Amino acid sequence: IARLKAELAAQAALIASQGVSLAH
């Protein structure tokens, strides 16, 4: 569960970063 949560958090961070990059 901890590993999956970490992966989800990393994916969420990546999506957020891509969203910021896309908006920019």
PDB file of all heavy atoms in Angstrom:
ATOM      1  N   ILE A   1       0.840  -1.208   0.000  1.00  0.00           N
ATOM      2  CA  ILE A   1       0.000   0.000   0.000  1.00  0.00           C
ATOM      3  C   ILE A   1       0.870   1.251   0.000  1.00  0.00           C
ATOM      4  O   ILE A   1       0.615   2.227  -0.726  1.00  0.00           O
ATOM      5  CB  ILE A   1      -0.940  -0.016   1.218  1.00  0.00           C
ATOM      6  CG1 ILE A   1      -1.970  -1.127   1.055  1.00  0.00           C
ATOM      7  CG2 ILE A   1      -1.631   1.340   1.384  1.00  0.00           C
ATOM      8  CD1 ILE A   1      -2.820  -1.368   2.288  1.00  0.00           C
ATOM      9  N   ALA A   2       1.919   1.230   0.807  1.00  0.00           N
ATOM     10  CA  ALA A   2       2.821   2.385   0.856  1.00  0.00           C
ATOM     11  C   ALA A   2       3.492   2.625  -0.486  1.00  0.00           C
ATOM     12  O   ALA A   2       3.640   3.764  -0.939  1.00  0.00           O
ATOM     13  CB  ALA A   2       3.874   2.155   1.952  1.00  0.00           C
ATOM     14  N   ARG A   3       3.920   1.504  -1.140  1.00  0.00           N
ATOM     15  CA  ARG A   3       4.532   1.634  -2.456  1.00  0.00           C
ATOM     16  C   ARG A   3       3.550   2.191  -3.471  1.00  0.00           C
ATOM     17  O   ARG A   3       3.897   3.069  -4.267  1.00  0.00           O
ATOM     18  CB  ARG A   3       5.067   0.278  -2.917  1.00  0.00           C
ATOM     19  CG  ARG A   3       5.718   0.297  -4.298  1.00  0.00           C
ATOM     20  CD  ARG A   3       6.326  -1.051  -4.628  1.00  0.00           C
ATOM     21  NE  ARG A   3       5.360  -2.126  -4.525  1.00  0.00           N
ATOM     22  CZ  ARG A   3       4.441  -2.415  -5.471  1.00  0.00           C
ATOM     23  NH1 ARG A   3       4.379  -1.663  -6.570  1.00  0.00           N
ATOM     24  NH2 ARG A   3       3.608  -3.421  -5.301  1.00  0.00           N
ATOM     25  N   LEU A   4       2.307   1.671  -3.442  1.00  0.00           N
ATOM     26  CA  LEU A   4       1.290   2.162  -4.377  1.00  0.00           C
ATOM     27  C   LEU A   4       0.965   3.625  -4.122  1.00  0.00           C
ATOM     28  O   LEU A   4       0.780   4.414  -5.068  1.00  0.00           O
ATOM     29  CB  LEU A   4       0.029   1.304  -4.262  1.00  0.00           C
ATOM     30  CG  LEU A   4       0.154  -0.131  -4.756  1.00  0.00           C
ATOM     31  CD1 LEU A   4      -1.130  -0.920  -4.469  1.00  0.00           C
ATOM     32  CD2 LEU A   4       0.456  -0.151  -6.259  1.00  0.00           C
ATOM     33  N   LYS A   5       0.898   3.998  -2.847  1.00  0.00           N
ATOM     34  CA  LYS A   5       0.640   5.395  -2.518  1.00  0.00           C
ATOM     35  C   LYS A   5       1.771   6.284  -3.040  1.00  0.00           C
ATOM     36  O   LYS A   5       1.543   7.379  -3.560  1.00  0.00           O
ATOM     37  CB  LYS A   5       0.490   5.566  -1.019  1.00  0.00           C
ATOM     38  CG  LYS A   5      -0.834   5.066  -0.454  1.00  0.00           C
ATOM     39  CD  LYS A   5      -0.916   5.329   1.041  1.00  0.00           C
ATOM     40  CE  LYS A   5      -2.277   4.911   1.591  1.00  0.00           C
ATOM     41  NZ  LYS A   5      -2.372   5.156   3.064  1.00  0.00           N
ATOM     42  N   ALA A   6       3.005   5.807  -2.898  1.00  0.00           N
ATOM     43  CA  ALA A   6       4.155   6.573  -3.387  1.00  0.00           C
ATOM     44  C   ALA A   6       4.113   6.723  -4.900  1.00  0.00           C
ATOM     45  O   ALA A   6       4.403   7.796  -5.452  1.00  0.00           O
ATOM     46  CB  ALA A   6       5.457   5.891  -2.948  1.00  0.00           C
ATOM     47  N   GLU A   7       3.744   5.611  -5.567  1.00  0.00           N
ATOM     48  CA  GLU A   7       3.636   5.668  -7.029  1.00  0.00           C
ATOM     49  C   GLU A   7       2.537   6.628  -7.453  1.00  0.00           C
ATOM     50  O   GLU A   7       2.707   7.411  -8.400  1.00  0.00           O
ATOM     51  CB  GLU A   7       3.380   4.269  -7.579  1.00  0.00           C
ATOM     52  CG  GLU A   7       4.581   3.331  -7.455  1.00  0.00           C
ATOM     53  CD  GLU A   7       4.272   1.938  -7.961  1.00  0.00           C
ATOM     54  OE1 GLU A   7       3.095   1.713  -8.356  1.00  0.00           O
ATOM     55  OE2 GLU A   7       5.178   1.077  -7.979  1.00  0.00           O
ATOM     56  N   LEU A   8       1.394   6.562  -6.741  1.00  0.00           N
ATOM     57  CA  LEU A   8       0.293   7.474  -7.057  1.00  0.00           C
ATOM     58  C   LEU A   8       0.693   8.927  -6.818  1.00  0.00           C
ATOM     59  O   LEU A   8       0.360   9.816  -7.601  1.00  0.00           O
ATOM     60  CB  LEU A   8      -0.942   7.113  -6.223  1.00  0.00           C
ATOM     61  CG  LEU A   8      -1.674   5.830  -6.622  1.00  0.00           C
ATOM     62  CD1 LEU A   8      -2.774   5.508  -5.620  1.00  0.00           C
ATOM     63  CD2 LEU A   8      -2.268   5.968  -8.022  1.00  0.00           C
ATOM     64  N   ALA A   9       1.419   9.154  -5.721  1.00  0.00           N
ATOM     65  CA  ALA A   9       1.866  10.510  -5.420  1.00  0.00           C
ATOM     66  C   ALA A   9       2.835  11.009  -6.490  1.00  0.00           C
ATOM     67  O   ALA A   9       2.777  12.167  -6.915  1.00  0.00           O
ATOM     68  CB  ALA A   9       2.528  10.535  -4.040  1.00  0.00           C
ATOM     69  N   ALA A  10       3.720  10.104  -6.929  1.00  0.00           N
ATOM     70  CA  ALA A  10       4.677  10.485  -7.976  1.00  0.00           C
ATOM     71  C   ALA A  10       3.963  10.790  -9.283  1.00  0.00           C
ATOM     72  O   ALA A  10       4.290  11.757  -9.975  1.00  0.00           O
ATOM     73  CB  ALA A  10       5.702   9.366  -8.176  1.00  0.00           C
ATOM     74  N   GLN A  11       2.965   9.958  -9.617  1.00  0.00           N
ATOM     75  CA  GLN A  11       2.191  10.190 -10.829  1.00  0.00           C
ATOM     76  C   GLN A  11       1.408  11.495 -10.738  1.00  0.00           C
ATOM     77  O   GLN A  11       1.322  12.257 -11.704  1.00  0.00           O
ATOM     78  CB  GLN A  11       1.262   9.012 -11.090  1.00  0.00           C
ATOM     79  CG  GLN A  11       1.990   7.743 -11.521  1.00  0.00           C
ATOM     80  CD  GLN A  11       1.042   6.588 -11.730  1.00  0.00           C
ATOM     81  OE1 GLN A  11      -0.145   6.682 -11.416  1.00  0.00           O
ATOM     82  NE2 GLN A  11       1.562   5.481 -12.249  1.00  0.00           N
ATOM     83  N   ALA A  12       0.838  11.733  -9.553  1.00  0.00           N
ATOM     84  CA  ALA A  12       0.092  12.975  -9.363  1.00  0.00           C
ATOM     85  C   ALA A  12       1.004  14.181  -9.506  1.00  0.00           C
ATOM     86  O   ALA A  12       0.647  15.203 -10.117  1.00  0.00           O
ATOM     87  CB  ALA A  12      -0.586  12.973  -7.994  1.00  0.00           C
ATOM     88  N   ALA A  13       2.220  14.057  -8.932  1.00  0.00           N
ATOM     89  CA  ALA A  13       3.187  15.157  -9.051  1.00  0.00           C
ATOM     90  C   ALA A  13       3.594  15.368 -10.503  1.00  0.00           C
ATOM     91  O   ALA A  13       3.743  16.505 -10.971  1.00  0.00           O
ATOM     92  CB  ALA A  13       4.416  14.855  -8.189  1.00  0.00           C
ATOM     93  N   LEU A  14       3.795  14.249 -11.238  1.00  0.00           N
ATOM     94  CA  LEU A  14       4.163  14.345 -12.648  1.00  0.00           C
ATOM     95  C   LEU A  14       3.050  14.990 -13.456  1.00  0.00           C
ATOM     96  O   LEU A  14       3.304  15.861 -14.304  1.00  0.00           O
ATOM     97  CB  LEU A  14       4.471  12.952 -13.195  1.00  0.00           C
ATOM     98  CG  LEU A  14       4.837  12.875 -14.690  1.00  0.00           C
ATOM     99  CD1 LEU A  14       6.086  13.706 -14.973  1.00  0.00           C
ATOM    100  CD2 LEU A  14       5.042  11.427 -15.129  1.00  0.00           C
ATOM    101  N   ILE A  15       1.796  14.566 -13.187  1.00  0.00           N
ATOM    102  CA  ILE A  15       0.655  15.144 -13.904  1.00  0.00           C
ATOM    103  C   ILE A  15       0.532  16.635 -13.597  1.00  0.00           C
ATOM    104  O   ILE A  15       0.288  17.458 -14.486  1.00  0.00           O
ATOM    105  CB  ILE A  15      -0.635  14.401 -13.530  1.00  0.00           C
ATOM    106  CG1 ILE A  15      -0.594  12.971 -14.097  1.00  0.00           C
ATOM    107  CG2 ILE A  15      -1.864  15.142 -14.048  1.00  0.00           C
ATOM    108  CD1 ILE A  15      -1.731  12.097 -13.620  1.00  0.00           C
ATOM    109  N   ALA A  16       0.728  16.982 -12.317  1.00  0.00           N
ATOM    110  CA  ALA A  16       0.663  18.392 -11.942  1.00  0.00           C
ATOM    111  C   ALA A  16       1.752  19.197 -12.649  1.00  0.00           C
ATOM    112  O   ALA A  16       1.516  20.298 -13.146  1.00  0.00           O
ATOM    113  CB  ALA A  16       0.790  18.533 -10.424  1.00  0.00           C
ATOM    114  N   SER A  17       2.965  18.602 -12.695  1.00  0.00           N
ATOM    115  CA  SER A  17       4.071  19.277 -13.366  1.00  0.00           C
ATOM    116  C   SER A  17       3.796  19.441 -14.856  1.00  0.00           C
ATOM    117  O   SER A  17       4.048  20.496 -15.441  1.00  0.00           O
ATOM    118  CB  SER A  17       5.355  18.479 -13.156  1.00  0.00           C
ATOM    119  OG  SER A  17       6.427  19.038 -13.890  1.00  0.00           O
ATOM    120  N   GLN A  18       3.256  18.369 -15.457  1.00  0.00           N
ATOM    121  CA  GLN A  18       2.920  18.443 -16.880  1.00  0.00           C
ATOM    122  C   GLN A  18       1.807  19.456 -17.121  1.00  0.00           C
ATOM    123  O   GLN A  18       1.808  20.155 -18.136  1.00  0.00           O
ATOM    124  CB  GLN A  18       2.509  17.062 -17.387  1.00  0.00           C
ATOM    125  CG  GLN A  18       3.668  16.072 -17.469  1.00  0.00           C
ATOM    126  CD  GLN A  18       3.217  14.681 -17.869  1.00  0.00           C
ATOM    127  OE1 GLN A  18       2.047  14.326 -17.709  1.00  0.00           O
ATOM    128  NE2 GLN A  18       4.160  13.901 -18.386  1.00  0.00           N
ATOM    129  N   GLY A  19       0.860  19.515 -16.175  1.00  0.00           N
ATOM    130  CA  GLY A  19      -0.210  20.502 -16.308  1.00  0.00           C
ATOM    131  C   GLY A  19       0.321  21.919 -16.266  1.00  0.00           C
ATOM    132  O   GLY A  19      -0.088  22.779 -17.052  1.00  0.00           O
ATOM    133  N   VAL A  20       1.262  22.166 -15.335  1.00  0.00           N
ATOM    134  CA  VAL A  20       1.889  23.489 -15.247  1.00  0.00           C
ATOM    135  C   VAL A  20       2.664  23.794 -16.526  1.00  0.00           C
ATOM    136  O   VAL A  20       2.585  24.890 -17.081  1.00  0.00           O
ATOM    137  CB  VAL A  20       2.814  23.559 -14.020  1.00  0.00           C
ATOM    138  CG1 VAL A  20       3.629  24.854 -14.042  1.00  0.00           C
ATOM    139  CG2 VAL A  20       2.006  23.466 -12.735  1.00  0.00           C
ATOM    140  N   SER A  21       3.408  22.771 -17.007  1.00  0.00           N
ATOM    141  CA  SER A  21       4.187  22.960 -18.237  1.00  0.00           C
ATOM    142  C   SER A  21       3.274  23.215 -19.426  1.00  0.00           C
ATOM    143  O   SER A  21       3.556  24.072 -20.269  1.00  0.00           O
ATOM    144  CB  SER A  21       5.048  21.725 -18.490  1.00  0.00           C
ATOM    145  OG  SER A  21       5.780  21.851 -19.695  1.00  0.00           O
ATOM    146  N   LEU A  22       2.162  22.451 -19.474  1.00  0.00           N
ATOM    147  CA  LEU A  22       1.210  22.634 -20.576  1.00  0.00           C
ATOM    148  C   LEU A  22       0.572  24.006 -20.520  1.00  0.00           C
ATOM    149  O   LEU A  22       0.422  24.682 -21.548  1.00  0.00           O
ATOM    150  CB  LEU A  22       0.136  21.543 -20.513  1.00  0.00           C
ATOM    151  CG  LEU A  22      -0.932  21.578 -21.608  1.00  0.00           C
ATOM    152  CD1 LEU A  22      -0.288  21.402 -22.979  1.00  0.00           C
ATOM    153  CD2 LEU A  22      -1.980  20.490 -21.378  1.00  0.00           C
ATOM    154  N   ALA A  23       0.200  24.436 -19.306  1.00  0.00           N
ATOM    155  CA  ALA A  23      -0.395  25.766 -19.155  1.00  0.00           C
ATOM    156  C   ALA A  23       0.595  26.848 -19.551  1.00  0.00           C
ATOM    157  O   ALA A  23       0.239  27.839 -20.206  1.00  0.00           O
ATOM    158  CB  ALA A  23      -0.860  25.965 -17.717  1.00  0.00           C
ATOM    159  N   HIS A  24       1.878  26.645 -19.188  1.00  0.00           N
ATOM    160  CA  HIS A  24       2.907  27.609 -19.559  1.00  0.00           C
ATOM    161  C   HIS A  24       3.096  27.639 -21.073  1.00  0.00           C
ATOM    162  O   HIS A  24       3.205  28.719 -21.677  1.00  0.00           O
ATOM    163  CB  HIS A  24       4.220  27.239 -18.867  1.00  0.00           C
ATOM    164  CG  HIS A  24       5.340  28.185 -19.151  1.00  0.00           C
ATOM    165  ND1 HIS A  24       5.328  29.510 -18.755  1.00  0.00           N
ATOM    166  CD2 HIS A  24       6.526  28.005 -19.823  1.00  0.00           C
ATOM    167  CE1 HIS A  24       6.435  30.096 -19.162  1.00  0.00           C
ATOM    168  NE2 HIS A  24       7.178  29.212 -19.808  1.00  0.00           N
TER     169      HIS A  24
END
